[in-house]
Amino acid sequence: MDAARVWLEFGVALLVIGFAGSRLARFGDIIGERTGLGGTWVGLMLVATVTSLPELVTGLSAVALADEPDIGVGALLGSCVFNLLILALLDVLTPERSIFARVRRGHERAAAYSIALLMVAGTGIILNGRYGLPGAVGVGVTTPLIFVLYVVFMRSLFQFEKQQMEAVSETDEAAPPLRDAVIGFWISAMAVVAVGLWLPFVADDMASVMGVEETFVGTLFVAFATSLPELVVTLAALRIGAVNMAVSNILGSNLFNVLILVPEDFFYTSGPILGAVSPIQLATAASAIAMSSFAILALRSPPRRRLFGVLGWIVFPLVAIYLANAWVLFLDGT
């Protein structure tokens, strides 16, 4: 396989996502203003869903076509961990004032809800598929609970954000009208999704070229590739000053990632999917829970002093947990 061609494809994918992602963030911010929903809710629901569609397609293909439940579940949990690492990057990129001090405290709810969903998923792994849903062949009892909780949590977040936006009536009158913003949003979304769906195949070719196929590095490549839309769109939102959308896209993507376990379980016909994965997946789930907990602490007590004028305290636990999780996966795969 031609390594130059693979890296060229990867570069083209980044360029397309970079352009479309910046437009997606801009139009999403306008939609939030024009509809009164706010950038936080648009990031949690619309933008997060769009940027998480690659994880959905990759996960379903892994379990339904390749019969690889570990890859399907591992890519989702690994994406959650990688997304939370992006929060550390956001904090580094805002040295004048921590990103956690610039966003609303409501993000604590989204982080706490993602912890709850991850705990339910971890419980399913611990139960090892011993309990299935009556009348639903091969579906574990925990995955429907994930769906119910997701609906309840998103309704709660919507109501909370609506109350917050009632006190904010500022609108950028120079921005495009709502109709133009919606059209621009969905055109940009289709571009991001199309390239996002292509990225896992590019990542697989990269892993083959580098000789790391069927290893933990290959799995990390998949999680990294499917998380690139979140990374690019989040950075684009930060660049235009939509800080609440930037953070809510990360937390909303993690909520949606855990939700994807529900269709994965239905498409996996050999039994409850969480009972078919390696127990090492618990380490990744625990890492995501720990990183989300530190994110809540940072929202409550934003970093003020910075090492070298760049690194706030939150960067260290997020990076350390991410690296520790990667090391555990490496040891398990050797």
C-alpha atoms as a PDB file:
ATOM      1  CA  MET A   1       0.000   0.000   0.000  1.00  0.00           C
ATOM      2  CA  ASP A   2       1.301   3.455  -0.957  1.00  0.00           C
ATOM      3  CA  ALA A   3       2.085   5.309   2.272  1.00  0.00           C
ATOM      4  CA  ALA A   4       2.211   8.687   0.497  1.00  0.00           C
ATOM      5  CA  ARG A   5      -1.311   8.184  -0.852  1.00  0.00           C
ATOM      6  CA  VAL A   6      -2.642   7.256   2.588  1.00  0.00           C
ATOM      7  CA  TRP A   7      -1.153  10.337   4.228  1.00  0.00           C
ATOM      8  CA  LEU A   8      -2.438  12.506   1.358  1.00  0.00           C
ATOM      9  CA  GLU A   9      -5.952  11.144   1.905  1.00  0.00           C
ATOM     10  CA  PHE A  10      -5.631  11.871   5.608  1.00  0.00           C
ATOM     11  CA  GLY A  11      -4.511  15.425   4.882  1.00  0.00           C
ATOM     12  CA  VAL A  12      -7.399  16.024   2.467  1.00  0.00           C
ATOM     13  CA  ALA A  13      -9.855  14.707   5.059  1.00  0.00           C
ATOM     14  CA  LEU A  14      -8.463  17.120   7.651  1.00  0.00           C
ATOM     15  CA  LEU A  15      -8.755  20.066   5.265  1.00  0.00           C
ATOM     16  CA  VAL A  16     -12.373  19.282   4.395  1.00  0.00           C
ATOM     17  CA  ILE A  17     -13.350  18.763   8.024  1.00  0.00           C
ATOM     18  CA  GLY A  18     -11.487  21.921   8.994  1.00  0.00           C
ATOM     19  CA  PHE A  19     -13.410  24.058   6.508  1.00  0.00           C
ATOM     20  CA  ALA A  20     -16.817  22.405   6.961  1.00  0.00           C
ATOM     21  CA  GLY A  21     -16.348  22.157  10.729  1.00  0.00           C
ATOM     22  CA  SER A  22     -15.719  25.879  11.110  1.00  0.00           C
ATOM     23  CA  ARG A  23     -18.862  26.615   9.108  1.00  0.00           C
ATOM     24  CA  LEU A  24     -20.817  24.083  11.174  1.00  0.00           C
ATOM     25  CA  ALA A  25     -19.796  25.790  14.401  1.00  0.00           C
ATOM     26  CA  ARG A  26     -20.619  29.249  13.036  1.00  0.00           C
ATOM     27  CA  PHE A  27     -24.059  28.302  11.712  1.00  0.00           C
ATOM     28  CA  GLY A  28     -24.804  26.331  14.880  1.00  0.00           C
ATOM     29  CA  ASP A  29     -24.021  29.399  16.959  1.00  0.00           C
ATOM     30  CA  ILE A  30     -26.397  31.483  14.811  1.00  0.00           C
ATOM     31  CA  ILE A  31     -29.161  28.873  15.125  1.00  0.00           C
ATOM     32  CA  GLY A  32     -28.735  28.942  18.896  1.00  0.00           C
ATOM     33  CA  GLU A  33     -29.100  32.724  18.928  1.00  0.00           C
ATOM     34  CA  ARG A  34     -31.986  32.976  16.453  1.00  0.00           C
ATOM     35  CA  THR A  35     -34.071  30.203  18.040  1.00  0.00           C
ATOM     36  CA  GLY A  36     -33.296  31.101  21.632  1.00  0.00           C
ATOM     37  CA  LEU A  37     -31.989  27.592  22.279  1.00  0.00           C
ATOM     38  CA  GLY A  38     -28.482  28.823  22.993  1.00  0.00           C
ATOM     39  CA  GLY A  39     -25.109  27.546  21.883  1.00  0.00           C
ATOM     40  CA  THR A  40     -24.947  25.040  24.731  1.00  0.00           C
ATOM     41  CA  TRP A  41     -28.078  23.152  23.697  1.00  0.00           C
ATOM     42  CA  VAL A  42     -27.211  23.299  19.983  1.00  0.00           C
ATOM     43  CA  GLY A  43     -23.778  21.911  20.832  1.00  0.00           C
ATOM     44  CA  LEU A  44     -25.206  19.184  23.072  1.00  0.00           C
ATOM     45  CA  MET A  45     -27.848  18.005  20.626  1.00  0.00           C
ATOM     46  CA  LEU A  46     -27.279  19.082  17.026  1.00  0.00           C
ATOM     47  CA  VAL A  47     -23.513  19.504  16.695  1.00  0.00           C
ATOM     48  CA  ALA A  48     -22.679  16.579  18.999  1.00  0.00           C
ATOM     49  CA  THR A  49     -24.992  14.251  17.064  1.00  0.00           C
ATOM     50  CA  VAL A  50     -23.476  15.260  13.724  1.00  0.00           C
ATOM     51  CA  THR A  51     -19.882  14.828  14.887  1.00  0.00           C
ATOM     52  CA  SER A  52     -20.719  11.477  16.542  1.00  0.00           C
ATOM     53  CA  LEU A  53     -22.285   9.844  13.473  1.00  0.00           C
ATOM     54  CA  PRO A  54     -18.917   8.333  12.409  1.00  0.00           C
ATOM     55  CA  GLU A  55     -18.802   6.493  15.750  1.00  0.00           C
ATOM     56  CA  LEU A  56     -22.337   5.214  15.121  1.00  0.00           C
ATOM     57  CA  VAL A  57     -21.585   3.819  11.650  1.00  0.00           C
ATOM     58  CA  THR A  58     -18.175   2.433  12.658  1.00  0.00           C
ATOM     59  CA  GLY A  59     -19.620   0.765  15.749  1.00  0.00           C
ATOM     60  CA  LEU A  60     -22.528  -0.834  13.912  1.00  0.00           C
ATOM     61  CA  SER A  61     -20.298  -2.123  11.122  1.00  0.00           C
ATOM     62  CA  ALA A  62     -17.872  -3.562  13.686  1.00  0.00           C
ATOM     63  CA  VAL A  63     -20.548  -5.599  15.471  1.00  0.00           C
ATOM     64  CA  ALA A  64     -22.937  -6.413  12.599  1.00  0.00           C
ATOM     65  CA  LEU A  65     -20.514  -7.016   9.723  1.00  0.00           C
ATOM     66  CA  ALA A  66     -17.164  -7.831  11.291  1.00  0.00           C
ATOM     67  CA  ASP A  67     -18.521  -9.533  14.450  1.00  0.00           C
ATOM     68  CA  GLU A  68     -15.988  -7.583  16.540  1.00  0.00           C
ATOM     69  CA  PRO A  69     -17.812  -6.412  19.674  1.00  0.00           C
ATOM     70  CA  ASP A  70     -14.574  -5.328  21.344  1.00  0.00           C
ATOM     71  CA  ILE A  71     -13.780  -2.951  18.495  1.00  0.00           C
ATOM     72  CA  GLY A  72     -17.333  -1.615  18.448  1.00  0.00           C
ATOM     73  CA  VAL A  73     -17.511  -0.966  22.185  1.00  0.00           C
ATOM     74  CA  GLY A  74     -13.832  -0.047  22.532  1.00  0.00           C
ATOM     75  CA  ALA A  75     -14.041   2.611  19.823  1.00  0.00           C
ATOM     76  CA  LEU A  76     -16.977   4.271  21.616  1.00  0.00           C
ATOM     77  CA  LEU A  77     -15.387   4.259  25.057  1.00  0.00           C
ATOM     78  CA  GLY A  78     -12.019   5.225  23.582  1.00  0.00           C
ATOM     79  CA  SER A  79     -13.672   8.134  21.805  1.00  0.00           C
ATOM     80  CA  CYS A  80     -15.128   9.309  25.123  1.00  0.00           C
ATOM     81  CA  VAL A  81     -11.659   9.351  26.668  1.00  0.00           C
ATOM     82  CA  PHE A  82     -10.146  11.132  23.659  1.00  0.00           C
ATOM     83  CA  ASN A  83     -12.939  13.718  23.669  1.00  0.00           C
ATOM     84  CA  LEU A  84     -12.236  14.550  27.300  1.00  0.00           C
ATOM     85  CA  LEU A  85      -8.570  14.973  26.429  1.00  0.00           C
ATOM     86  CA  ILE A  86      -9.711  17.730  24.052  1.00  0.00           C
ATOM     87  CA  LEU A  87     -10.901  19.659  27.123  1.00  0.00           C
ATOM     88  CA  ALA A  88      -7.268  19.817  28.265  1.00  0.00           C
ATOM     89  CA  LEU A  89      -6.304  21.190  24.846  1.00  0.00           C
ATOM     90  CA  LEU A  90      -9.045  23.817  25.053  1.00  0.00           C
ATOM     91  CA  ASP A  91      -7.716  24.968  28.414  1.00  0.00           C
ATOM     92  CA  VAL A  92      -4.179  25.236  27.026  1.00  0.00           C
ATOM     93  CA  LEU A  93      -5.439  27.277  24.070  1.00  0.00           C
ATOM     94  CA  THR A  94      -7.085  29.835  26.378  1.00  0.00           C
ATOM     95  CA  PRO A  95      -4.121  30.911  28.549  1.00  0.00           C
ATOM     96  CA  GLU A  96      -5.581  34.352  29.290  1.00  0.00           C
ATOM     97  CA  ARG A  97      -8.493  32.747  31.143  1.00  0.00           C
ATOM     98  CA  SER A  98      -9.339  29.094  31.683  1.00  0.00           C
ATOM     99  CA  ILE A  99     -12.020  27.693  29.384  1.00  0.00           C
ATOM    100  CA  PHE A 100     -13.700  26.293  32.499  1.00  0.00           C
ATOM    101  CA  ALA A 101     -14.097  29.816  33.888  1.00  0.00           C
ATOM    102  CA  ARG A 102     -15.620  31.124  30.652  1.00  0.00           C
ATOM    103  CA  VAL A 103     -18.454  28.612  30.269  1.00  0.00           C
ATOM    104  CA  ARG A 104     -21.683  28.245  32.213  1.00  0.00           C
ATOM    105  CA  ARG A 105     -21.864  25.953  35.226  1.00  0.00           C
ATOM    106  CA  GLY A 106     -24.670  24.037  33.506  1.00  0.00           C
ATOM    107  CA  HIS A 107     -22.053  21.888  31.812  1.00  0.00           C
ATOM    108  CA  GLU A 108     -21.640  20.127  35.150  1.00  0.00           C
ATOM    109  CA  ARG A 109     -24.979  18.437  34.532  1.00  0.00           C
ATOM    110  CA  ALA A 110     -23.932  17.075  31.159  1.00  0.00           C
ATOM    111  CA  ALA A 111     -20.677  15.744  32.630  1.00  0.00           C
ATOM    112  CA  ALA A 112     -22.526  14.157  35.560  1.00  0.00           C
ATOM    113  CA  TYR A 113     -25.073  12.570  33.216  1.00  0.00           C
ATOM    114  CA  SER A 114     -22.294  11.091  31.083  1.00  0.00           C
ATOM    115  CA  ILE A 115     -20.790   9.596  34.243  1.00  0.00           C
ATOM    116  CA  ALA A 116     -24.138   7.973  35.033  1.00  0.00           C
ATOM    117  CA  LEU A 117     -24.422   6.446  31.553  1.00  0.00           C
ATOM    118  CA  LEU A 118     -20.827   5.192  31.690  1.00  0.00           C
ATOM    119  CA  MET A 119     -21.526   3.580  35.069  1.00  0.00           C
ATOM    120  CA  VAL A 120     -24.531   1.754  33.610  1.00  0.00           C
ATOM    121  CA  ALA A 121     -22.370   0.567  30.697  1.00  0.00           C
ATOM    122  CA  GLY A 122     -19.663  -0.551  33.119  1.00  0.00           C
ATOM    123  CA  THR A 123     -22.270  -2.439  35.144  1.00  0.00           C
ATOM    124  CA  GLY A 124     -23.273  -4.284  31.980  1.00  0.00           C
ATOM    125  CA  ILE A 125     -19.670  -5.351  31.449  1.00  0.00           C
ATOM    126  CA  ILE A 126     -19.367  -6.487  35.070  1.00  0.00           C
ATOM    127  CA  LEU A 127     -22.581  -8.512  34.801  1.00  0.00           C
ATOM    128  CA  ASN A 128     -20.926 -10.207  31.804  1.00  0.00           C
ATOM    129  CA  GLY A 129     -24.194 -10.690  29.935  1.00  0.00           C
ATOM    130  CA  ARG A 130     -25.814 -12.781  32.663  1.00  0.00           C
ATOM    131  CA  TYR A 131     -29.065 -10.858  32.398  1.00  0.00           C
ATOM    132  CA  GLY A 132     -30.907 -10.230  29.168  1.00  0.00           C
ATOM    133  CA  LEU A 133     -34.038  -8.274  28.359  1.00  0.00           C
ATOM    134  CA  PRO A 134     -37.123 -10.558  28.374  1.00  0.00           C
ATOM    135  CA  GLY A 135     -38.545 -10.970  24.896  1.00  0.00           C
ATOM    136  CA  ALA A 136     -35.556  -9.366  23.209  1.00  0.00           C
ATOM    137  CA  VAL A 137     -33.138 -12.062  22.069  1.00  0.00           C
ATOM    138  CA  GLY A 138     -29.525 -11.197  22.731  1.00  0.00           C
ATOM    139  CA  VAL A 139     -30.157  -7.759  24.237  1.00  0.00           C
ATOM    140  CA  GLY A 140     -28.752  -7.026  27.667  1.00  0.00           C
ATOM    141  CA  VAL A 141     -30.856  -5.474  30.405  1.00  0.00           C
ATOM    142  CA  THR A 142     -28.544  -2.473  30.822  1.00  0.00           C
ATOM    143  CA  THR A 143     -28.655  -1.096  27.273  1.00  0.00           C
ATOM    144  CA  PRO A 144     -32.398  -0.220  27.303  1.00  0.00           C
ATOM    145  CA  LEU A 145     -31.729   1.533  30.610  1.00  0.00           C
ATOM    146  CA  ILE A 146     -29.068   3.611  28.837  1.00  0.00           C
ATOM    147  CA  PHE A 147     -31.677   4.692  26.279  1.00  0.00           C
ATOM    148  CA  VAL A 148     -34.238   5.659  28.919  1.00  0.00           C
ATOM    149  CA  LEU A 149     -31.679   7.612  30.938  1.00  0.00           C
ATOM    150  CA  TYR A 150     -30.404   9.389  27.812  1.00  0.00           C
ATOM    151  CA  VAL A 151     -33.916  10.631  26.998  1.00  0.00           C
ATOM    152  CA  VAL A 152     -34.489  11.764  30.600  1.00  0.00           C
ATOM    153  CA  PHE A 153     -31.100  13.479  30.779  1.00  0.00           C
ATOM    154  CA  MET A 154     -31.478  15.330  27.477  1.00  0.00           C
ATOM    155  CA  ARG A 155     -34.934  16.562  28.506  1.00  0.00           C
ATOM    156  CA  SER A 156     -33.441  17.814  31.762  1.00  0.00           C
ATOM    157  CA  LEU A 157     -30.604  19.580  29.927  1.00  0.00           C
ATOM    158  CA  PHE A 158     -33.072  21.172  27.495  1.00  0.00           C
ATOM    159  CA  GLN A 159     -35.249  22.527  30.285  1.00  0.00           C
ATOM    160  CA  PHE A 160     -32.228  23.845  32.174  1.00  0.00           C
ATOM    161  CA  GLU A 161     -30.769  25.542  29.098  1.00  0.00           C
ATOM    162  CA  LYS A 162     -34.144  27.051  28.232  1.00  0.00           C
ATOM    163  CA  GLN A 163     -34.303  28.650  31.673  1.00  0.00           C
ATOM    164  CA  GLN A 164     -30.789  30.000  31.249  1.00  0.00           C
ATOM    165  CA  MET A 165     -31.552  31.484  27.825  1.00  0.00           C
ATOM    166  CA  GLU A 166     -34.675  33.272  29.076  1.00  0.00           C
ATOM    167  CA  ALA A 167     -32.361  35.666  30.885  1.00  0.00           C
ATOM    168  CA  VAL A 168     -30.279  36.259  27.748  1.00  0.00           C
ATOM    169  CA  SER A 169     -31.986  38.084  24.914  1.00  0.00           C
ATOM    170  CA  GLU A 170     -28.973  39.362  22.985  1.00  0.00           C
ATOM    171  CA  THR A 171     -28.985  38.540  19.293  1.00  0.00           C
ATOM    172  CA  ASP A 172     -26.446  39.392  16.623  1.00  0.00           C
ATOM    173  CA  GLU A 173     -28.599  41.275  14.123  1.00  0.00           C
ATOM    174  CA  ALA A 174     -25.790  41.211  11.562  1.00  0.00           C
ATOM    175  CA  ALA A 175     -25.863  37.420  11.460  1.00  0.00           C
ATOM    176  CA  PRO A 176     -27.563  35.619   8.543  1.00  0.00           C
ATOM    177  CA  PRO A 177     -31.296  34.848   8.910  1.00  0.00           C
ATOM    178  CA  LEU A 178     -32.351  31.568  10.520  1.00  0.00           C
ATOM    179  CA  ARG A 179     -33.306  29.924   7.212  1.00  0.00           C
ATOM    180  CA  ASP A 180     -29.862  30.565   5.700  1.00  0.00           C
ATOM    181  CA  ALA A 181     -28.175  29.379   8.890  1.00  0.00           C
ATOM    182  CA  VAL A 182     -30.154  26.116   8.919  1.00  0.00           C
ATOM    183  CA  ILE A 183     -29.327  25.419   5.256  1.00  0.00           C
ATOM    184  CA  GLY A 184     -25.661  26.222   5.829  1.00  0.00           C
ATOM    185  CA  PHE A 185     -25.605  24.073   8.960  1.00  0.00           C
ATOM    186  CA  TRP A 186     -26.934  20.964   7.220  1.00  0.00           C
ATOM    187  CA  ILE A 187     -24.690  21.382   4.169  1.00  0.00           C
ATOM    188  CA  SER A 188     -21.688  21.661   6.476  1.00  0.00           C
ATOM    189  CA  ALA A 189     -23.005  18.736   8.541  1.00  0.00           C
ATOM    190  CA  MET A 190     -23.241  16.492   5.474  1.00  0.00           C
ATOM    191  CA  ALA A 191     -19.644  17.335   4.552  1.00  0.00           C
ATOM    192  CA  VAL A 192     -18.407  16.585   8.086  1.00  0.00           C
ATOM    193  CA  VAL A 193     -20.345  13.301   8.238  1.00  0.00           C
ATOM    194  CA  ALA A 194     -19.200  12.178   4.779  1.00  0.00           C
ATOM    195  CA  VAL A 195     -15.536  12.716   5.598  1.00  0.00           C
ATOM    196  CA  GLY A 196     -16.049  11.366   9.113  1.00  0.00           C
ATOM    197  CA  LEU A 197     -17.392   8.110   7.695  1.00  0.00           C
ATOM    198  CA  TRP A 198     -14.408   7.884   5.358  1.00  0.00           C
ATOM    199  CA  LEU A 199     -11.829   8.522   8.085  1.00  0.00           C
ATOM    200  CA  PRO A 200     -12.001   5.068   9.762  1.00  0.00           C
ATOM    201  CA  PHE A 201     -11.055   3.453   6.435  1.00  0.00           C
ATOM    202  CA  VAL A 202      -8.155   5.887   6.083  1.00  0.00           C
ATOM    203  CA  ALA A 203      -7.144   5.091   9.665  1.00  0.00           C
ATOM    204  CA  ASP A 204      -7.228   1.371   8.883  1.00  0.00           C
ATOM    205  CA  ASP A 205      -4.933   1.948   5.889  1.00  0.00           C
ATOM    206  CA  MET A 206      -2.612   4.024   8.079  1.00  0.00           C
ATOM    207  CA  ALA A 207      -2.460   1.248  10.665  1.00  0.00           C
ATOM    208  CA  SER A 208      -1.622  -1.269   7.925  1.00  0.00           C
ATOM    209  CA  VAL A 209       1.112   0.953   6.479  1.00  0.00           C
ATOM    210  CA  MET A 210       2.629   1.444   9.927  1.00  0.00           C
ATOM    211  CA  GLY A 211       2.404  -2.274  10.704  1.00  0.00           C
ATOM    212  CA  VAL A 212       0.142  -1.923  13.737  1.00  0.00           C
ATOM    213  CA  GLU A 213      -2.926  -3.735  12.475  1.00  0.00           C
ATOM    214  CA  GLU A 214      -4.813  -5.835  15.049  1.00  0.00           C
ATOM    215  CA  THR A 215      -3.055  -4.148  17.983  1.00  0.00           C
ATOM    216  CA  PHE A 216      -4.155  -1.675  20.601  1.00  0.00           C
ATOM    217  CA  VAL A 217      -2.663   1.082  18.453  1.00  0.00           C
ATOM    218  CA  GLY A 218      -5.031   0.123  15.655  1.00  0.00           C
ATOM    219  CA  THR A 219      -7.950   0.494  18.035  1.00  0.00           C
ATOM    220  CA  LEU A 220      -6.653   3.897  19.146  1.00  0.00           C
ATOM    221  CA  PHE A 221      -6.402   4.925  15.490  1.00  0.00           C
ATOM    222  CA  VAL A 222     -10.088   4.129  15.009  1.00  0.00           C
ATOM    223  CA  ALA A 223     -11.100   6.085  18.122  1.00  0.00           C
ATOM    224  CA  PHE A 224      -8.868   8.988  17.063  1.00  0.00           C
ATOM    225  CA  ALA A 225     -10.189   9.000  13.506  1.00  0.00           C
ATOM    226  CA  THR A 226     -13.846   8.952  14.526  1.00  0.00           C
ATOM    227  CA  SER A 227     -13.164  11.741  17.056  1.00  0.00           C
ATOM    228  CA  LEU A 228     -11.513  14.082  14.567  1.00  0.00           C
ATOM    229  CA  PRO A 229     -14.833  15.785  13.702  1.00  0.00           C
ATOM    230  CA  GLU A 230     -15.348  16.559  17.412  1.00  0.00           C
ATOM    231  CA  LEU A 231     -11.805  17.936  17.645  1.00  0.00           C
ATOM    232  CA  VAL A 232     -12.016  20.154  14.577  1.00  0.00           C
ATOM    233  CA  VAL A 233     -15.546  21.448  15.229  1.00  0.00           C
ATOM    234  CA  THR A 234     -14.703  22.139  18.878  1.00  0.00           C
ATOM    235  CA  LEU A 235     -11.609  24.132  17.924  1.00  0.00           C
ATOM    236  CA  ALA A 236     -13.646  25.996  15.303  1.00  0.00           C
ATOM    237  CA  ALA A 237     -16.259  26.886  17.930  1.00  0.00           C
ATOM    238  CA  LEU A 238     -13.489  28.127  20.227  1.00  0.00           C
ATOM    239  CA  ARG A 239     -12.027  30.259  17.427  1.00  0.00           C
ATOM    240  CA  ILE A 240     -15.301  32.124  16.862  1.00  0.00           C
ATOM    241  CA  GLY A 241     -15.800  32.603  20.598  1.00  0.00           C
ATOM    242  CA  ALA A 242     -18.613  30.055  20.999  1.00  0.00           C
ATOM    243  CA  VAL A 243     -17.008  28.580  24.114  1.00  0.00           C
ATOM    244  CA  ASN A 244     -20.208  27.037  25.471  1.00  0.00           C
ATOM    245  CA  MET A 245     -20.787  25.229  22.190  1.00  0.00           C
ATOM    246  CA  ALA A 246     -17.171  24.008  22.206  1.00  0.00           C
ATOM    247  CA  VAL A 247     -17.505  22.367  25.625  1.00  0.00           C
ATOM    248  CA  SER A 248     -21.062  21.131  25.116  1.00  0.00           C
ATOM    249  CA  ASN A 249     -20.030  19.452  21.844  1.00  0.00           C
ATOM    250  CA  ILE A 250     -17.500  17.366  23.776  1.00  0.00           C
ATOM    251  CA  LEU A 251     -19.866  16.427  26.586  1.00  0.00           C
ATOM    252  CA  GLY A 252     -22.807  15.904  24.229  1.00  0.00           C
ATOM    253  CA  SER A 253     -20.698  13.638  22.011  1.00  0.00           C
ATOM    254  CA  ASN A 254     -19.830  11.493  25.027  1.00  0.00           C
ATOM    255  CA  LEU A 255     -23.511  11.177  25.944  1.00  0.00           C
ATOM    256  CA  PHE A 256     -24.326  10.168  22.370  1.00  0.00           C
ATOM    257  CA  ASN A 257     -21.380   7.748  22.232  1.00  0.00           C
ATOM    258  CA  VAL A 258     -22.728   5.770  25.188  1.00  0.00           C
ATOM    259  CA  LEU A 259     -26.191   5.840  23.606  1.00  0.00           C
ATOM    260  CA  ILE A 260     -24.726   4.109  20.522  1.00  0.00           C
ATOM    261  CA  LEU A 261     -24.282   1.003  22.695  1.00  0.00           C
ATOM    262  CA  VAL A 262     -28.059   0.535  22.413  1.00  0.00           C
ATOM    263  CA  PRO A 263     -28.233  -0.059  18.617  1.00  0.00           C
ATOM    264  CA  GLU A 264     -24.954  -1.964  18.795  1.00  0.00           C
ATOM    265  CA  ASP A 265     -26.547  -4.390  21.259  1.00  0.00           C
ATOM    266  CA  PHE A 266     -29.566  -4.894  18.996  1.00  0.00           C
ATOM    267  CA  PHE A 267     -27.370  -5.475  15.930  1.00  0.00           C
ATOM    268  CA  TYR A 268     -25.101  -7.906  17.780  1.00  0.00           C
ATOM    269  CA  THR A 269     -26.971 -11.208  17.549  1.00  0.00           C
ATOM    270  CA  SER A 270     -24.677 -13.444  19.604  1.00  0.00           C
ATOM    271  CA  GLY A 271     -25.917 -12.215  22.981  1.00  0.00           C
ATOM    272  CA  PRO A 272     -25.686  -9.062  25.095  1.00  0.00           C
ATOM    273  CA  ILE A 273     -22.815  -7.082  23.598  1.00  0.00           C
ATOM    274  CA  LEU A 274     -21.474  -5.866  26.944  1.00  0.00           C
ATOM    275  CA  GLY A 275     -21.106  -9.497  27.984  1.00  0.00           C
ATOM    276  CA  ALA A 276     -19.068 -10.285  24.875  1.00  0.00           C
ATOM    277  CA  VAL A 277     -16.336  -7.684  25.348  1.00  0.00           C
ATOM    278  CA  SER A 278     -13.073  -7.985  27.225  1.00  0.00           C
ATOM    279  CA  PRO A 279     -13.126  -6.900  30.894  1.00  0.00           C
ATOM    280  CA  ILE A 280     -10.316  -4.483  30.009  1.00  0.00           C
ATOM    281  CA  GLN A 281     -13.030  -2.229  28.560  1.00  0.00           C
ATOM    282  CA  LEU A 282     -13.849  -1.408  32.187  1.00  0.00           C
ATOM    283  CA  ALA A 283     -10.519   0.415  32.396  1.00  0.00           C
ATOM    284  CA  THR A 284     -11.530   2.727  29.556  1.00  0.00           C
ATOM    285  CA  ALA A 285     -14.987   3.309  31.041  1.00  0.00           C
ATOM    286  CA  ALA A 286     -13.403   4.059  34.428  1.00  0.00           C
ATOM    287  CA  SER A 287     -10.944   6.444  32.755  1.00  0.00           C
ATOM    288  CA  ALA A 288     -13.794   8.346  31.099  1.00  0.00           C
ATOM    289  CA  ILE A 289     -15.628   8.525  34.439  1.00  0.00           C
ATOM    290  CA  ALA A 290     -12.526   9.821  36.230  1.00  0.00           C
ATOM    291  CA  MET A 291     -11.813  12.413  33.524  1.00  0.00           C
ATOM    292  CA  SER A 292     -15.439  13.588  33.578  1.00  0.00           C
ATOM    293  CA  SER A 293     -15.214  13.938  37.365  1.00  0.00           C
ATOM    294  CA  PHE A 294     -12.139  16.139  37.049  1.00  0.00           C
ATOM    295  CA  ALA A 295     -13.978  18.210  34.430  1.00  0.00           C
ATOM    296  CA  ILE A 296     -16.754  18.829  36.970  1.00  0.00           C
ATOM    297  CA  LEU A 297     -14.151  19.874  39.563  1.00  0.00           C
ATOM    298  CA  ALA A 298     -12.626  22.271  37.039  1.00  0.00           C
ATOM    299  CA  LEU A 299     -16.036  23.788  36.324  1.00  0.00           C
ATOM    300  CA  ARG A 300     -16.537  24.319  40.045  1.00  0.00           C
ATOM    301  CA  SER A 301     -12.988  25.545  40.662  1.00  0.00           C
ATOM    302  CA  PRO A 302     -11.505  26.837  37.387  1.00  0.00           C
ATOM    303  CA  PRO A 303      -7.701  26.919  37.119  1.00  0.00           C
ATOM    304  CA  ARG A 304      -6.236  30.311  37.963  1.00  0.00           C
ATOM    305  CA  ARG A 305      -2.488  29.850  38.238  1.00  0.00           C
ATOM    306  CA  ARG A 306      -0.713  28.280  35.279  1.00  0.00           C
ATOM    307  CA  LEU A 307       2.588  26.456  35.017  1.00  0.00           C
ATOM    308  CA  PHE A 308       4.773  28.195  32.434  1.00  0.00           C
ATOM    309  CA  GLY A 309       1.843  30.529  31.917  1.00  0.00           C
ATOM    310  CA  VAL A 310       0.055  27.845  29.871  1.00  0.00           C
ATOM    311  CA  LEU A 311      -0.812  24.735  31.894  1.00  0.00           C
ATOM    312  CA  GLY A 312      -3.647  24.878  34.398  1.00  0.00           C
ATOM    313  CA  TRP A 313      -4.045  22.153  37.011  1.00  0.00           C
ATOM    314  CA  ILE A 314      -6.821  20.394  35.061  1.00  0.00           C
ATOM    315  CA  VAL A 315      -4.445  19.533  32.207  1.00  0.00           C
ATOM    316  CA  PHE A 316      -2.354  17.188  34.337  1.00  0.00           C
ATOM    317  CA  PRO A 317      -5.035  14.712  35.539  1.00  0.00           C
ATOM    318  CA  LEU A 318      -6.743  14.627  32.127  1.00  0.00           C
ATOM    319  CA  VAL A 319      -3.505  13.856  30.274  1.00  0.00           C
ATOM    320  CA  ALA A 320      -2.283  11.472  32.976  1.00  0.00           C
ATOM    321  CA  ILE A 321      -5.489   9.422  32.964  1.00  0.00           C
ATOM    322  CA  TYR A 322      -5.520   9.281  29.164  1.00  0.00           C
ATOM    323  CA  LEU A 323      -1.913   8.031  29.055  1.00  0.00           C
ATOM    324  CA  ALA A 324      -2.530   5.568  31.892  1.00  0.00           C
ATOM    325  CA  ASN A 325      -5.502   4.114  30.022  1.00  0.00           C
ATOM    326  CA  ALA A 326      -3.435   3.766  26.844  1.00  0.00           C
ATOM    327  CA  TRP A 327      -0.690   2.023  28.857  1.00  0.00           C
ATOM    328  CA  VAL A 328      -3.170  -0.424  30.415  1.00  0.00           C
ATOM    329  CA  LEU A 329      -4.531  -1.271  26.980  1.00  0.00           C
ATOM    330  CA  PHE A 330      -0.986  -1.782  25.728  1.00  0.00           C
ATOM    331  CA  LEU A 331      -0.137  -4.154  28.588  1.00  0.00           C
ATOM    332  CA  ASP A 332      -3.351  -6.094  27.998  1.00  0.00           C
ATOM    333  CA  GLY A 333      -2.557  -6.475  24.306  1.00  0.00           C
ATOM    334  CA  THR A 334       0.997  -7.711  24.776  1.00  0.00           C
END
